[in-house]
Amino acid sequence: MTTMTRFVPFRSPLEGLAVLQNLLNSIFNDFTSSNGEMQNESLSAGNFIPPVDIYEDANRLVLKLEVPGIPREDLQINLESQTLTVKGERKLIKDEKGENFHRIERRYGNFVRSFTLRATIETDSAQANYENGVLSITLQKKEAAKPKQLKIEIGSGSSSKSVPKQMEASRVA
């Protein structure tokens, strides 16, 4: 009997191990669940970690977290010493109007993300904005951390001796 395998050009060599690990985790989670019910998928329950983009420019550091479906009231931002912590909760609203879910793939529950900030960040100037499911946190850099441009004077001191040698070398070649 011949077995055919689909060729996926950018597949990671460890992808098979990740699938096996998820399957084993699912089996052990089902075995150890306290209510005795078998869960169809491990994606339907549990906490989630919202993805974040972090970038900086010359004057500021910006963090953008994707938290769609979470009301502004359920988000909490703490900034203590040099640690920024964002907490929130996405609640599963169970509507008893006879709706029958076939799948629940979106993650629900609590999350906590903590970020250690460099000492060059001015923590007193933090600003947060929540729009279209994206939480943006902007932190200004301290004045000492901002890049400075220095003007360098080019003199005609000892470099004039090397110019004729370079010219002679170019004539020989």
Protein backbone atom coordinates (compact mmCIF):
# COMPACT_ATOMS: atom_id res chain seq x y z
CA MET A 1 0.00 0.00 0.00
CA THR A 2 1.33 3.44 -0.94
CA THR A 3 0.76 6.47 1.25
CA MET A 4 0.67 9.92 -0.29
CA THR A 5 1.67 13.00 1.66
CA ARG A 6 0.76 16.52 0.61
CA PHE A 7 3.81 18.73 0.01
CA VAL A 8 3.63 22.03 1.88
CA PRO A 9 6.62 24.18 0.87
CA PHE A 10 6.95 26.35 3.98
CA ARG A 11 6.04 23.81 6.64
CA SER A 12 8.16 23.76 9.75
CA PRO A 13 9.93 20.46 10.44
CA LEU A 14 8.54 20.61 13.99
CA GLU A 15 4.93 21.11 12.89
CA GLY A 16 4.16 17.42 13.30
CA LEU A 17 5.43 17.52 16.87
CA ALA A 18 3.24 20.54 17.64
CA VAL A 19 0.16 18.73 16.32
CA LEU A 20 1.02 15.66 18.41
CA GLN A 21 1.59 17.84 21.50
CA ASN A 22 -1.82 19.52 21.05
CA LEU A 23 -3.49 16.14 20.64
CA LEU A 24 -1.84 14.76 23.79
CA ASN A 25 -2.77 17.91 25.73
CA SER A 26 -6.36 17.52 24.56
CA ILE A 27 -6.46 13.89 25.66
CA PHE A 28 -5.04 14.64 29.11
CA ASN A 29 -7.32 17.66 29.57
CA ASP A 30 -10.34 15.51 28.75
CA PHE A 31 -9.14 12.77 31.11
CA THR A 32 -8.54 15.13 34.01
CA SER A 33 -11.63 17.31 33.61
CA SER A 34 -13.51 17.46 36.90
CA ASN A 35 -17.04 17.40 35.48
CA GLY A 36 -16.52 14.17 33.54
CA GLU A 37 -17.83 15.65 30.28
CA MET A 38 -15.78 15.26 27.16
CA GLN A 39 -14.95 18.55 25.49
CA ASN A 40 -15.01 18.53 21.70
CA GLU A 41 -12.13 20.98 21.29
CA SER A 42 -9.70 22.58 23.67
CA LEU A 43 -10.13 25.89 21.82
CA SER A 44 -13.61 26.41 23.22
CA ALA A 45 -12.47 26.96 26.78
CA GLY A 46 -9.63 28.60 28.58
CA ASN A 47 -7.79 31.85 28.74
CA PHE A 48 -6.38 33.68 25.80
CA ILE A 49 -3.43 35.95 25.12
CA PRO A 50 -4.18 38.94 22.90
CA PRO A 51 -1.50 39.62 20.29
CA VAL A 52 0.54 42.81 20.66
CA ASP A 53 2.63 44.96 18.32
CA ILE A 54 5.39 47.03 19.91
CA TYR A 55 7.28 49.70 18.03
CA GLU A 56 9.25 52.80 18.80
CA ASP A 57 10.50 55.92 17.13
CA ALA A 58 12.83 58.66 18.28
CA ASN A 59 10.38 60.08 20.83
CA ARG A 60 8.04 57.31 22.01
CA LEU A 61 7.28 53.64 22.53
CA VAL A 62 3.87 52.35 21.36
CA LEU A 63 2.11 49.10 22.25
CA LYS A 64 -1.01 47.97 20.36
CA LEU A 65 -3.04 45.06 21.74
CA GLU A 66 -5.84 43.38 19.82
CA VAL A 67 -8.75 43.04 22.24
CA PRO A 68 -11.91 43.00 20.12
CA GLY A 69 -15.17 42.30 21.88
CA ILE A 70 -13.90 43.47 25.26
CA PRO A 71 -15.70 46.51 26.67
CA ARG A 72 -13.55 49.40 27.80
CA GLU A 73 -14.74 48.83 31.38
CA ASP A 74 -13.26 45.32 31.40
CA LEU A 75 -9.72 46.54 30.56
CA GLN A 76 -7.29 47.55 33.27
CA ILE A 77 -3.86 49.16 32.70
CA ASN A 78 -1.33 49.39 35.55
CA LEU A 79 2.07 51.04 35.38
CA GLU A 80 4.20 50.39 38.44
CA SER A 81 7.94 51.17 38.54
CA GLN A 82 9.12 49.92 35.12
CA THR A 83 6.40 47.28 34.56
CA LEU A 84 3.34 47.83 32.39
CA THR A 85 0.50 45.35 33.01
CA VAL A 86 -2.67 45.05 30.95
CA LYS A 87 -5.53 42.91 32.30
CA GLY A 88 -8.90 42.17 30.81
CA GLU A 89 -11.69 39.70 30.36
CA ARG A 90 -13.71 38.61 27.37
CA LYS A 91 -16.94 37.10 28.64
CA LEU A 92 -18.93 34.41 26.86
CA ILE A 93 -22.52 35.57 26.84
CA LYS A 94 -24.76 32.54 26.79
CA ASP A 95 -28.06 33.45 25.27
CA GLU A 96 -30.84 30.99 26.12
CA LYS A 97 -33.01 31.78 23.07
CA GLY A 98 -32.63 28.34 21.58
CA GLU A 99 -29.38 29.06 19.75
CA ASN A 100 -27.36 25.95 19.10
CA PHE A 101 -23.65 26.56 18.68
CA HIS A 102 -21.88 24.14 16.37
CA ARG A 103 -18.43 25.59 17.09
CA ILE A 104 -16.96 28.13 19.45
CA GLU A 105 -13.48 29.06 18.25
CA ARG A 106 -13.04 32.50 19.74
CA ARG A 107 -11.20 32.52 23.03
CA TYR A 108 -12.90 33.73 26.20
CA GLY A 109 -11.70 34.35 29.73
CA ASN A 110 -9.16 36.47 31.54
CA PHE A 111 -5.81 37.63 30.28
CA VAL A 112 -2.80 39.38 31.77
CA ARG A 113 0.10 40.77 29.72
CA SER A 114 3.11 42.33 31.46
CA PHE A 115 5.92 44.26 29.82
CA THR A 116 9.17 45.39 31.42
CA LEU A 117 10.05 48.87 30.27
CA ARG A 118 13.55 50.26 29.88
CA ALA A 119 14.71 52.99 32.25
CA THR A 120 14.70 55.40 29.29
CA ILE A 121 10.87 55.46 29.23
CA GLU A 122 9.03 58.32 30.94
CA THR A 123 6.30 56.48 32.86
CA ASP A 124 4.45 59.64 33.94
CA SER A 125 3.41 60.50 30.37
CA ALA A 126 1.55 57.27 29.52
CA GLN A 127 -1.55 57.61 27.33
CA ALA A 128 -4.06 54.94 26.35
CA ASN A 129 -6.60 54.89 23.52
CA TYR A 130 -9.17 52.19 22.71
CA GLU A 131 -10.64 52.21 19.21
CA ASN A 132 -12.08 49.47 16.98
CA GLY A 133 -10.93 46.68 19.29
CA VAL A 134 -7.32 47.89 19.45
CA LEU A 135 -5.87 49.22 22.70
CA SER A 136 -2.98 51.62 22.02
CA ILE A 137 -0.63 52.62 24.82
CA THR A 138 1.88 55.39 24.11
CA LEU A 139 4.86 56.05 26.37
CA GLN A 140 7.24 58.97 25.81
CA LYS A 141 11.00 58.55 26.04
CA LYS A 142 13.06 60.55 28.51
CA GLU A 143 14.89 63.52 27.06
CA ALA A 144 18.27 61.85 27.68
CA ALA A 145 17.21 58.83 25.60
CA LYS A 146 16.22 60.81 22.52
CA PRO A 147 18.78 60.81 19.71
CA LYS A 148 20.84 63.94 19.29
CA GLN A 149 22.38 65.17 16.09
CA LEU A 150 25.89 66.57 16.36
CA LYS A 151 27.53 68.73 13.73
CA ILE A 152 31.03 67.55 12.94
CA GLU A 153 33.50 70.04 11.47
CA ILE A 154 35.80 68.61 8.82
CA GLY A 155 39.22 70.20 8.97
CA SER A 156 42.08 70.27 6.44
CA GLY A 157 44.84 69.25 8.86
CA SER A 158 46.96 66.13 8.33
CA SER A 159 44.57 64.61 5.77
CA SER A 160 46.09 66.75 2.99
CA LYS A 161 49.25 64.56 3.03
CA SER A 162 47.31 61.40 2.25
CA VAL A 163 45.57 62.89 -0.79
CA PRO A 164 48.65 62.95 -3.08
CA LYS A 165 49.52 59.34 -2.12
CA GLN A 166 46.03 58.22 -3.12
CA MET A 167 46.38 60.11 -6.38
CA GLU A 168 49.77 58.52 -7.05
CA ALA A 169 48.35 55.07 -6.34
CA SER A 170 45.53 55.68 -8.78
CA ARG A 171 47.98 56.74 -11.52
CA VAL A 172 50.03 53.56 -11.07
CA ALA A 173 47.00 51.32 -11.28
